Amino acid sequence: GVERELVTDAHFEKYIGSDVMLRLIRPKDKVRDFSGKMISYESGNI
């Protein structure tokens, strides 16, 4: 689909520079959903 889920490291690396939306398992400052441009991905860190 268009709003495809990124799963593997290769998926994340391929879409650096793309707009993404993510949901945290545990909220950060009471917020779980974020969106923006993925500017980096390395060793599982987004």
All heavy atoms as atom14 arrays in JSON, in Angstrom:
{
  "sequence": "GVERELVTDAHFEKYIGSDVMLRLIRPKDKVRDFSGKMISYESGNI",
  "atom14_mask": [
    [1, 1, 1, 1, 0, 0, 0, 0, 0, 0, 0, 0, 0, 0],
    [1, 1, 1, 1, 1, 1, 1, 0, 0, 0, 0, 0, 0, 0],
    [1, 1, 1, 1, 1, 1, 1, 1, 1, 0, 0, 0, 0, 0],
    [1, 1, 1, 1, 1, 1, 1, 1, 1, 1, 1, 0, 0, 0],
    [1, 1, 1, 1, 1, 1, 1, 1, 1, 0, 0, 0, 0, 0],
    [1, 1, 1, 1, 1, 1, 1, 1, 0, 0, 0, 0, 0, 0],
    [1, 1, 1, 1, 1, 1, 1, 0, 0, 0, 0, 0, 0, 0],
    [1, 1, 1, 1, 1, 1, 1, 0, 0, 0, 0, 0, 0, 0],
    [1, 1, 1, 1, 1, 1, 1, 1, 0, 0, 0, 0, 0, 0],
    [1, 1, 1, 1, 1, 0, 0, 0, 0, 0, 0, 0, 0, 0],
    [1, 1, 1, 1, 1, 1, 1, 1, 1, 1, 0, 0, 0, 0],
    [1, 1, 1, 1, 1, 1, 1, 1, 1, 1, 1, 0, 0, 0],
    [1, 1, 1, 1, 1, 1, 1, 1, 1, 0, 0, 0, 0, 0],
    [1, 1, 1, 1, 1, 1, 1, 1, 1, 0, 0, 0, 0, 0],
    [1, 1, 1, 1, 1, 1, 1, 1, 1, 1, 1, 1, 0, 0],
    [1, 1, 1, 1, 1, 1, 1, 1, 0, 0, 0, 0, 0, 0],
    [1, 1, 1, 1, 0, 0, 0, 0, 0, 0, 0, 0, 0, 0],
    [1, 1, 1, 1, 1, 1, 0, 0, 0, 0, 0, 0, 0, 0],
    [1, 1, 1, 1, 1, 1, 1, 1, 0, 0, 0, 0, 0, 0],
    [1, 1, 1, 1, 1, 1, 1, 0, 0, 0, 0, 0, 0, 0],
    [1, 1, 1, 1, 1, 1, 1, 1, 0, 0, 0, 0, 0, 0],
    [1, 1, 1, 1, 1, 1, 1, 1, 0, 0, 0, 0, 0, 0],
    [1, 1, 1, 1, 1, 1, 1, 1, 1, 1, 1, 0, 0, 0],
    [1, 1, 1, 1, 1, 1, 1, 1, 0, 0, 0, 0, 0, 0],
    [1, 1, 1, 1, 1, 1, 1, 1, 0, 0, 0, 0, 0, 0],
    [1, 1, 1, 1, 1, 1, 1, 1, 1, 1, 1, 0, 0, 0],
    [1, 1, 1, 1, 1, 1, 1, 0, 0, 0, 0, 0, 0, 0],
    [1, 1, 1, 1, 1, 1, 1, 1, 1, 0, 0, 0, 0, 0],
    [1, 1, 1, 1, 1, 1, 1, 1, 0, 0, 0, 0, 0, 0],
    [1, 1, 1, 1, 1, 1, 1, 1, 1, 0, 0, 0, 0, 0],
    [1, 1, 1, 1, 1, 1, 1, 0, 0, 0, 0, 0, 0, 0],
    [1, 1, 1, 1, 1, 1, 1, 1, 1, 1, 1, 0, 0, 0],
    [1, 1, 1, 1, 1, 1, 1, 1, 0, 0, 0, 0, 0, 0],
    [1, 1, 1, 1, 1, 1, 1, 1, 1, 1, 1, 0, 0, 0],
    [1, 1, 1, 1, 1, 1, 0, 0, 0, 0, 0, 0, 0, 0],
    [1, 1, 1, 1, 0, 0, 0, 0, 0, 0, 0, 0, 0, 0],
    [1, 1, 1, 1, 1, 1, 1, 1, 1, 0, 0, 0, 0, 0],
    [1, 1, 1, 1, 1, 1, 1, 1, 0, 0, 0, 0, 0, 0],
    [1, 1, 1, 1, 1, 1, 1, 1, 0, 0, 0, 0, 0, 0],
    [1, 1, 1, 1, 1, 1, 0, 0, 0, 0, 0, 0, 0, 0],
    [1, 1, 1, 1, 1, 1, 1, 1, 1, 1, 1, 1, 0, 0],
    [1, 1, 1, 1, 1, 1, 1, 1, 1, 0, 0, 0, 0, 0],
    [1, 1, 1, 1, 1, 1, 0, 0, 0, 0, 0, 0, 0, 0],
    [1, 1, 1, 1, 0, 0, 0, 0, 0, 0, 0, 0, 0, 0],
    [1, 1, 1, 1, 1, 1, 1, 1, 0, 0, 0, 0, 0, 0],
    [1, 1, 1, 1, 1, 1, 1, 1, 0, 0, 0, 0, 0, 0]
  ],
  "atom14_positions": [
    [[0.8, -1.21, 0.0], [0.0, 0.0, 0.0], [0.84, 1.27, 0.0], [2.05, 1.24, 0.15], [0.0, 0.0, 0.0], [0.0, 0.0, 0.0], [0.0, 0.0, 0.0], [0.0, 0.0, 0.0], [0.0, 0.0, 0.0], [0.0, 0.0, 0.0], [0.0, 0.0, 0.0], [0.0, 0.0, 0.0], [0.0, 0.0, 0.0], [0.0, 0.0, 0.0]],
    [[0.17, 2.38, -0.17], [0.84, 3.68, -0.24], [1.46, 4.03, 1.11], [2.6, 4.45, 1.2], [-0.14, 4.77, -0.71], [0.52, 6.13, -0.69], [-0.65, 4.47, -2.1], [0.0, 0.0, 0.0], [0.0, 0.0, 0.0], [0.0, 0.0, 0.0], [0.0, 0.0, 0.0], [0.0, 0.0, 0.0], [0.0, 0.0, 0.0], [0.0, 0.0, 0.0]],
    [[0.68, 3.88, 2.16], [1.2, 4.17, 3.5], [1.78, 2.89, 4.1], [1.4, 2.44, 5.18], [0.09, 4.78, 4.38], [-0.3, 6.15, 3.91], [-1.39, 6.79, 4.75], [-2.07, 6.09, 5.53], [-1.57, 8.0, 4.59], [0.0, 0.0, 0.0], [0.0, 0.0, 0.0], [0.0, 0.0, 0.0], [0.0, 0.0, 0.0], [0.0, 0.0, 0.0]],
    [[2.75, 2.33, 3.37], [3.33, 1.05, 3.75], [4.11, 1.13, 5.05], [4.75, 2.13, 5.36], [4.23, 0.53, 2.64], [5.39, 1.44, 2.33], [6.1, 1.09, 1.04], [5.15, 1.09, -0.05], [5.26, 0.34, -1.13], [6.3, -0.42, -1.3], [4.34, 0.38, -2.06], [0.0, 0.0, 0.0], [0.0, 0.0, 0.0], [0.0, 0.0, 0.0]],
    [[4.04, 0.05, 5.8], [4.78, -0.03, 7.06], [6.24, -0.37, 6.74], [6.53, -1.28, 5.96], [4.17, -1.09, 7.96], [4.78, -1.11, 9.34], [4.01, -1.99, 10.32], [2.91, -2.46, 9.99], [4.55, -2.19, 11.41], [0.0, 0.0, 0.0], [0.0, 0.0, 0.0], [0.0, 0.0, 0.0], [0.0, 0.0, 0.0], [0.0, 0.0, 0.0]],
    [[7.14, 0.37, 7.35], [8.57, 0.09, 7.22], [8.92, -0.97, 8.26], [8.63, -0.8, 9.44], [9.39, 1.36, 7.43], [9.01, 2.54, 6.51], [9.91, 3.74, 6.8], [9.06, 2.17, 5.05], [0.0, 0.0, 0.0], [0.0, 0.0, 0.0], [0.0, 0.0, 0.0], [0.0, 0.0, 0.0], [0.0, 0.0, 0.0], [0.0, 0.0, 0.0]],
    [[9.52, -2.06, 7.81], [9.76, -3.19, 8.7], [11.26, -3.5, 8.83], [11.78, -3.6, 9.93], [9.01, -4.45, 8.19], [9.22, -5.63, 9.12], [7.52, -4.16, 8.03], [0.0, 0.0, 0.0], [0.0, 0.0, 0.0], [0.0, 0.0, 0.0], [0.0, 0.0, 0.0], [0.0, 0.0, 0.0], [0.0, 0.0, 0.0], [0.0, 0.0, 0.0]],
    [[11.94, -3.66, 7.71], [13.34, -4.07, 7.74], [14.27, -2.86, 7.72], [13.87, -1.75, 7.36], [13.66, -4.96, 6.52], [13.58, -4.17, 5.32], [12.71, -6.15, 6.42], [0.0, 0.0, 0.0], [0.0, 0.0, 0.0], [0.0, 0.0, 0.0], [0.0, 0.0, 0.0], [0.0, 0.0, 0.0], [0.0, 0.0, 0.0], [0.0, 0.0, 0.0]],
    [[15.52, -3.1, 8.07], [16.52, -2.03, 7.99], [16.59, -1.46, 6.57], [16.7, -0.25, 6.39], [17.9, -2.54, 8.41], [18.0, -2.83, 9.9], [17.14, -2.35, 10.67], [18.95, -3.54, 10.31], [0.0, 0.0, 0.0], [0.0, 0.0, 0.0], [0.0, 0.0, 0.0], [0.0, 0.0, 0.0], [0.0, 0.0, 0.0], [0.0, 0.0, 0.0]],
    [[16.5, -2.34, 5.57], [16.55, -1.88, 4.18], [15.4, -0.94, 3.86], [15.57, 0.03, 3.11], [16.53, -3.08, 3.23], [0.0, 0.0, 0.0], [0.0, 0.0, 0.0], [0.0, 0.0, 0.0], [0.0, 0.0, 0.0], [0.0, 0.0, 0.0], [0.0, 0.0, 0.0], [0.0, 0.0, 0.0], [0.0, 0.0, 0.0], [0.0, 0.0, 0.0]],
    [[14.21, -1.2, 4.4], [13.07, -0.3, 4.18], [13.38, 1.08, 4.74], [13.15, 2.1, 4.08], [11.81, -0.81, 4.89], [11.28, -2.1, 4.34], [10.41, -2.87, 5.06], [11.46, -2.74, 3.17], [10.08, -3.95, 4.35], [10.73, -3.88, 3.2], [0.0, 0.0, 0.0], [0.0, 0.0, 0.0], [0.0, 0.0, 0.0], [0.0, 0.0, 0.0]],
    [[13.9, 1.13, 5.97], [14.2, 2.42, 6.6], [15.27, 3.16, 5.82], [15.14, 4.36, 5.56], [14.63, 2.22, 8.06], [13.47, 1.94, 8.98], [13.06, 0.65, 9.23], [12.8, 2.98, 9.59], [11.99, 0.39, 10.07], [11.72, 2.75, 10.44], [11.32, 1.44, 10.67], [0.0, 0.0, 0.0], [0.0, 0.0, 0.0], [0.0, 0.0, 0.0]],
    [[16.31, 2.47, 5.42], [17.41, 3.1, 4.68], [16.93, 3.63, 3.33], [17.33, 4.71, 2.9], [18.56, 2.12, 4.52], [19.25, 1.83, 5.86], [20.09, 0.56, 5.87], [20.2, -0.1, 4.82], [20.61, 0.23, 6.95], [0.0, 0.0, 0.0], [0.0, 0.0, 0.0], [0.0, 0.0, 0.0], [0.0, 0.0, 0.0], [0.0, 0.0, 0.0]],
    [[16.06, 2.89, 2.67], [15.54, 3.28, 1.37], [14.71, 4.57, 1.44], [14.7, 5.37, 0.51], [14.67, 2.15, 0.79], [14.07, 2.45, -0.57], [13.29, 1.24, -1.08], [12.69, 1.49, -2.44], [11.99, 0.3, -2.96], [0.0, 0.0, 0.0], [0.0, 0.0, 0.0], [0.0, 0.0, 0.0], [0.0, 0.0, 0.0], [0.0, 0.0, 0.0]],
    [[14.03, 4.78, 2.56], [13.1, 5.9, 2.65], [13.59, 7.05, 3.54], [12.79, 7.89, 3.96], [11.71, 5.4, 3.1], [11.04, 4.64, 1.98], [11.02, 3.25, 1.98], [10.48, 5.31, 0.91], [10.43, 2.55, 0.94], [9.89, 4.62, -0.13], [9.87, 3.23, -0.11], [9.29, 2.55, -1.15], [0.0, 0.0, 0.0], [0.0, 0.0, 0.0]],
    [[14.91, 7.13, 3.78], [15.45, 8.31, 4.46], [15.13, 9.51, 3.58], [15.28, 9.47, 2.36], [16.97, 8.16, 4.68], [17.23, 7.1, 5.75], [17.6, 9.5, 5.09], [18.69, 6.76, 5.96], [0.0, 0.0, 0.0], [0.0, 0.0, 0.0], [0.0, 0.0, 0.0], [0.0, 0.0, 0.0], [0.0, 0.0, 0.0], [0.0, 0.0, 0.0]],
    [[14.64, 10.57, 4.19], [14.23, 11.76, 3.45], [12.74, 11.78, 3.14], [12.22, 12.78, 2.63], [0.0, 0.0, 0.0], [0.0, 0.0, 0.0], [0.0, 0.0, 0.0], [0.0, 0.0, 0.0], [0.0, 0.0, 0.0], [0.0, 0.0, 0.0], [0.0, 0.0, 0.0], [0.0, 0.0, 0.0], [0.0, 0.0, 0.0], [0.0, 0.0, 0.0]],
    [[12.04, 10.71, 3.46], [10.6, 10.62, 3.2], [9.8, 11.01, 4.44], [10.29, 10.9, 5.57], [10.22, 9.19, 2.8], [10.86, 8.82, 1.6], [0.0, 0.0, 0.0], [0.0, 0.0, 0.0], [0.0, 0.0, 0.0], [0.0, 0.0, 0.0], [0.0, 0.0, 0.0], [0.0, 0.0, 0.0], [0.0, 0.0, 0.0], [0.0, 0.0, 0.0]],
    [[8.57, 11.42, 4.2], [7.65, 11.71, 5.3], [7.17, 10.39, 5.89], [6.8, 9.47, 5.15], [6.46, 12.52, 4.81], [6.84, 13.94, 4.43], [7.83, 14.46, 4.99], [6.16, 14.53, 3.57], [0.0, 0.0, 0.0], [0.0, 0.0, 0.0], [0.0, 0.0, 0.0], [0.0, 0.0, 0.0], [0.0, 0.0, 0.0], [0.0, 0.0, 0.0]],
    [[7.2, 10.31, 7.22], [6.75, 9.11, 7.92], [5.83, 9.49, 9.07], [5.82, 10.64, 9.51], [7.93, 8.27, 8.47], [8.8, 7.74, 7.35], [8.75, 9.06, 9.48], [0.0, 0.0, 0.0], [0.0, 0.0, 0.0], [0.0, 0.0, 0.0], [0.0, 0.0, 0.0], [0.0, 0.0, 0.0], [0.0, 0.0, 0.0], [0.0, 0.0, 0.0]],
    [[5.05, 8.52, 9.5], [4.27, 8.67, 10.72], [4.61, 7.47, 11.58], [4.84, 6.38, 11.07], [2.78, 8.75, 10.42], [2.21, 7.67, 9.58], [0.52, 8.05, 9.14], [0.29, 6.92, 7.79], [0.0, 0.0, 0.0], [0.0, 0.0, 0.0], [0.0, 0.0, 0.0], [0.0, 0.0, 0.0], [0.0, 0.0, 0.0], [0.0, 0.0, 0.0]],
    [[4.71, 7.71, 12.87], [5.04, 6.61, 13.78], [4.23, 6.7, 15.04], [3.76, 7.77, 15.42], [6.54, 6.56, 14.08], [7.22, 7.7, 14.83], [7.04, 7.59, 16.32], [8.7, 7.71, 14.49], [0.0, 0.0, 0.0], [0.0, 0.0, 0.0], [0.0, 0.0, 0.0], [0.0, 0.0, 0.0], [0.0, 0.0, 0.0], [0.0, 0.0, 0.0]],
    [[4.04, 5.56, 15.64], [3.32, 5.47, 16.91], [4.27, 4.8, 17.91], [4.82, 3.73, 17.64], [2.05, 4.64, 16.78], [1.35, 4.45, 18.13], [-0.04, 3.89, 17.99], [-0.87, 4.94, 17.38], [-1.95, 4.7, 16.65], [-2.34, 3.46, 16.43], [-2.65, 5.69, 16.15], [0.0, 0.0, 0.0], [0.0, 0.0, 0.0], [0.0, 0.0, 0.0]],
    [[4.44, 5.45, 19.04], [5.27, 4.91, 20.11], [4.48, 3.9, 20.94], [3.26, 4.05, 21.12], [5.77, 6.03, 21.02], [6.66, 7.08, 20.38], [6.97, 8.19, 21.38], [7.95, 6.46, 19.87], [0.0, 0.0, 0.0], [0.0, 0.0, 0.0], [0.0, 0.0, 0.0], [0.0, 0.0, 0.0], [0.0, 0.0, 0.0], [0.0, 0.0, 0.0]],
    [[5.16, 2.92, 21.46], [4.53, 1.96, 22.36], [4.15, 2.66, 23.66], [3.04, 2.5, 24.16], [5.46, 0.76, 22.63], [5.69, -0.03, 21.34], [4.89, -0.14, 23.73], [6.77, -1.08, 21.42], [0.0, 0.0, 0.0], [0.0, 0.0, 0.0], [0.0, 0.0, 0.0], [0.0, 0.0, 0.0], [0.0, 0.0, 0.0], [0.0, 0.0, 0.0]],
    [[5.07, 3.45, 24.19], [4.82, 4.24, 25.39], [4.9, 5.72, 25.02], [5.85, 6.15, 24.37], [5.86, 3.92, 26.47], [5.63, 2.56, 27.13], [6.73, 2.14, 28.06], [7.94, 1.55, 27.53], [8.04, 0.56, 26.67], [6.98, 0.04, 26.16], [9.19, 0.07, 26.29], [0.0, 0.0, 0.0], [0.0, 0.0, 0.0], [0.0, 0.0, 0.0]],
    [[3.93, 6.51, 25.45], [3.92, 7.94, 25.08], [5.17, 8.67, 25.56], [5.76, 8.33, 26.57], [2.68, 8.48, 25.81], [1.86, 7.3, 26.16], [2.8, 6.14, 26.3], [0.0, 0.0, 0.0], [0.0, 0.0, 0.0], [0.0, 0.0, 0.0], [0.0, 0.0, 0.0], [0.0, 0.0, 0.0], [0.0, 0.0, 0.0], [0.0, 0.0, 0.0]],
    [[5.54, 9.68, 24.79], [6.63, 10.58, 25.16], [5.97, 11.94, 25.38], [5.37, 12.49, 24.45], [7.66, 10.65, 24.03], [8.84, 11.52, 24.34], [9.88, 11.42, 23.23], [11.11, 12.19, 23.66], [12.26, 11.8, 22.88], [0.0, 0.0, 0.0], [0.0, 0.0, 0.0], [0.0, 0.0, 0.0], [0.0, 0.0, 0.0], [0.0, 0.0, 0.0]],
    [[6.07, 12.46, 26.59], [5.4, 13.71, 26.96], [3.9, 13.64, 26.64], [3.32, 14.57, 26.07], [6.05, 14.91, 26.27], [7.51, 15.06, 26.64], [7.85, 14.78, 27.8], [8.3, 15.45, 25.76], [0.0, 0.0, 0.0], [0.0, 0.0, 0.0], [0.0, 0.0, 0.0], [0.0, 0.0, 0.0], [0.0, 0.0, 0.0], [0.0, 0.0, 0.0]],
    [[3.3, 12.48, 26.94], [1.86, 12.22, 26.76], [1.42, 12.15, 25.3], [0.24, 12.22, 25.0], [1.02, 13.26, 27.51], [1.26, 13.26, 29.01], [0.36, 14.23, 29.71], [0.66, 14.22, 31.2], [-0.17, 15.14, 31.94], [0.0, 0.0, 0.0], [0.0, 0.0, 0.0], [0.0, 0.0, 0.0], [0.0, 0.0, 0.0], [0.0, 0.0, 0.0]],
    [[2.38, 12.02, 24.38], [2.06, 11.92, 22.95], [2.6, 10.6, 22.42], [3.75, 10.23, 22.7], [2.67, 13.11, 22.16], [2.36, 12.99, 20.68], [2.18, 14.43, 22.72], [0.0, 0.0, 0.0], [0.0, 0.0, 0.0], [0.0, 0.0, 0.0], [0.0, 0.0, 0.0], [0.0, 0.0, 0.0], [0.0, 0.0, 0.0], [0.0, 0.0, 0.0]],
    [[1.76, 9.89, 21.65], [2.19, 8.61, 21.06], [2.39, 8.68, 19.55], [3.15, 7.91, 18.99], [1.15, 7.53, 21.34], [1.11, 7.12, 22.79], [0.13, 6.04, 23.03], [0.48, 4.87, 22.24], [-0.2, 3.75, 22.23], [-1.27, 3.63, 22.96], [0.18, 2.74, 21.49], [0.0, 0.0, 0.0], [0.0, 0.0, 0.0], [0.0, 0.0, 0.0]],
    [[1.67, 9.58, 18.87], [1.72, 9.65, 17.41], [2.51, 10.87, 16.95], [2.25, 11.99, 17.39], [0.3, 9.71, 16.84], [-0.48, 8.44, 17.13], [0.11, 7.35, 17.01], [-1.66, 8.53, 17.49], [0.0, 0.0, 0.0], [0.0, 0.0, 0.0], [0.0, 0.0, 0.0], [0.0, 0.0, 0.0], [0.0, 0.0, 0.0], [0.0, 0.0, 0.0]],
    [[3.45, 10.63, 16.04], [4.3, 11.69, 15.5], [4.38, 11.53, 13.99], [4.26, 10.43, 13.46], [5.72, 11.6, 16.09], [5.79, 11.85, 17.56], [5.62, 10.81, 18.46], [6.0, 13.13, 18.05], [5.69, 11.03, 19.83], [6.06, 13.37, 19.42], [5.91, 12.31, 20.3], [0.0, 0.0, 0.0], [0.0, 0.0, 0.0], [0.0, 0.0, 0.0]],
    [[4.63, 12.64, 13.31], [4.89, 12.57, 11.88], [5.92, 13.62, 11.53], [6.05, 14.65, 12.2], [3.61, 12.76, 11.06], [3.07, 14.04, 11.29], [0.0, 0.0, 0.0], [0.0, 0.0, 0.0], [0.0, 0.0, 0.0], [0.0, 0.0, 0.0], [0.0, 0.0, 0.0], [0.0, 0.0, 0.0], [0.0, 0.0, 0.0], [0.0, 0.0, 0.0]],
    [[6.66, 13.33, 10.48], [7.7, 14.26, 10.02], [8.56, 13.59, 8.98], [8.25, 12.49, 8.5], [0.0, 0.0, 0.0], [0.0, 0.0, 0.0], [0.0, 0.0, 0.0], [0.0, 0.0, 0.0], [0.0, 0.0, 0.0], [0.0, 0.0, 0.0], [0.0, 0.0, 0.0], [0.0, 0.0, 0.0], [0.0, 0.0, 0.0], [0.0, 0.0, 0.0]],
    [[9.66, 14.24, 8.64], [10.58, 13.72, 7.63], [11.65, 12.88, 8.33], [12.31, 13.35, 9.26], [11.23, 14.87, 6.88], [12.13, 14.41, 5.73], [12.66, 15.58, 4.93], [11.6, 16.35, 4.22], [10.87, 15.69, 3.18], [0.0, 0.0, 0.0], [0.0, 0.0, 0.0], [0.0, 0.0, 0.0], [0.0, 0.0, 0.0], [0.0, 0.0, 0.0]],
    [[11.82, 11.63, 7.89], [12.86, 10.79, 8.46], [14.21, 11.27, 7.91], [14.44, 11.21, 6.71], [12.64, 9.31, 8.11], [13.68, 8.41, 8.75], [13.34, 6.62, 8.64], [12.98, 6.39, 6.92], [0.0, 0.0, 0.0], [0.0, 0.0, 0.0], [0.0, 0.0, 0.0], [0.0, 0.0, 0.0], [0.0, 0.0, 0.0], [0.0, 0.0, 0.0]],
    [[15.04, 11.77, 8.8], [16.32, 12.33, 8.34], [17.5, 11.4, 8.59], [18.56, 11.58, 8.01], [16.59, 13.72, 8.96], [16.58, 13.68, 10.48], [15.57, 14.73, 8.43], [16.96, 15.01, 11.13], [0.0, 0.0, 0.0], [0.0, 0.0, 0.0], [0.0, 0.0, 0.0], [0.0, 0.0, 0.0], [0.0, 0.0, 0.0], [0.0, 0.0, 0.0]],
    [[17.27, 10.35, 9.41], [18.36, 9.43, 9.69], [17.82, 8.11, 10.19], [16.78, 8.06, 10.86], [19.29, 10.05, 10.74], [20.3, 9.14, 11.12], [0.0, 0.0, 0.0], [0.0, 0.0, 0.0], [0.0, 0.0, 0.0], [0.0, 0.0, 0.0], [0.0, 0.0, 0.0], [0.0, 0.0, 0.0], [0.0, 0.0, 0.0], [0.0, 0.0, 0.0]],
    [[18.55, 7.05, 9.86], [18.27, 5.73, 10.42], [19.6, 5.0, 10.54], [20.32, 4.84, 9.55], [17.31, 4.93, 9.54], [17.08, 3.54, 10.09], [16.18, 3.34, 11.12], [17.8, 2.45, 9.62], [15.98, 2.07, 11.67], [17.61, 1.19, 10.16], [16.71, 1.01, 11.18], [16.52, -0.24, 11.72], [0.0, 0.0, 0.0], [0.0, 0.0, 0.0]],
    [[19.92, 4.58, 11.76], [21.18, 3.86, 11.96], [21.05, 2.96, 13.17], [20.64, 3.42, 14.25], [22.32, 4.85, 12.15], [23.68, 4.2, 12.19], [24.81, 5.21, 12.22], [24.71, 6.26, 11.57], [25.79, 4.92, 12.93], [0.0, 0.0, 0.0], [0.0, 0.0, 0.0], [0.0, 0.0, 0.0], [0.0, 0.0, 0.0], [0.0, 0.0, 0.0]],
    [[21.36, 1.69, 13.0], [21.33, 0.7, 14.09], [20.01, 0.7, 14.84], [19.98, 0.62, 16.07], [22.48, 0.96, 15.07], [23.72, 0.91, 14.41], [0.0, 0.0, 0.0], [0.0, 0.0, 0.0], [0.0, 0.0, 0.0], [0.0, 0.0, 0.0], [0.0, 0.0, 0.0], [0.0, 0.0, 0.0], [0.0, 0.0, 0.0], [0.0, 0.0, 0.0]],
    [[18.9, 0.83, 14.12], [17.59, 0.8, 14.74], [17.12, 2.13, 15.29], [16.0, 2.25, 15.75], [0.0, 0.0, 0.0], [0.0, 0.0, 0.0], [0.0, 0.0, 0.0], [0.0, 0.0, 0.0], [0.0, 0.0, 0.0], [0.0, 0.0, 0.0], [0.0, 0.0, 0.0], [0.0, 0.0, 0.0], [0.0, 0.0, 0.0], [0.0, 0.0, 0.0]],
    [[17.97, 3.16, 15.23], [17.59, 4.47, 15.74], [17.05, 5.34, 14.61], [17.71, 5.52, 13.59], [18.78, 5.16, 16.42], [18.34, 6.34, 17.25], [17.44, 6.21, 18.08], [18.95, 7.48, 17.03], [0.0, 0.0, 0.0], [0.0, 0.0, 0.0], [0.0, 0.0, 0.0], [0.0, 0.0, 0.0], [0.0, 0.0, 0.0], [0.0, 0.0, 0.0]],
    [[15.85, 5.86, 14.81], [15.16, 6.67, 13.81], [15.17, 8.12, 14.28], [14.82, 8.39, 15.43], [13.69, 6.23, 13.66], [13.6, 4.73, 13.38], [12.97, 7.05, 12.6], [12.24, 4.13, 13.69], [0.0, 0.0, 0.0], [0.0, 0.0, 0.0], [0.0, 0.0, 0.0], [0.0, 0.0, 0.0], [0.0, 0.0, 0.0], [0.0, 0.0, 0.0]]
  ]
}
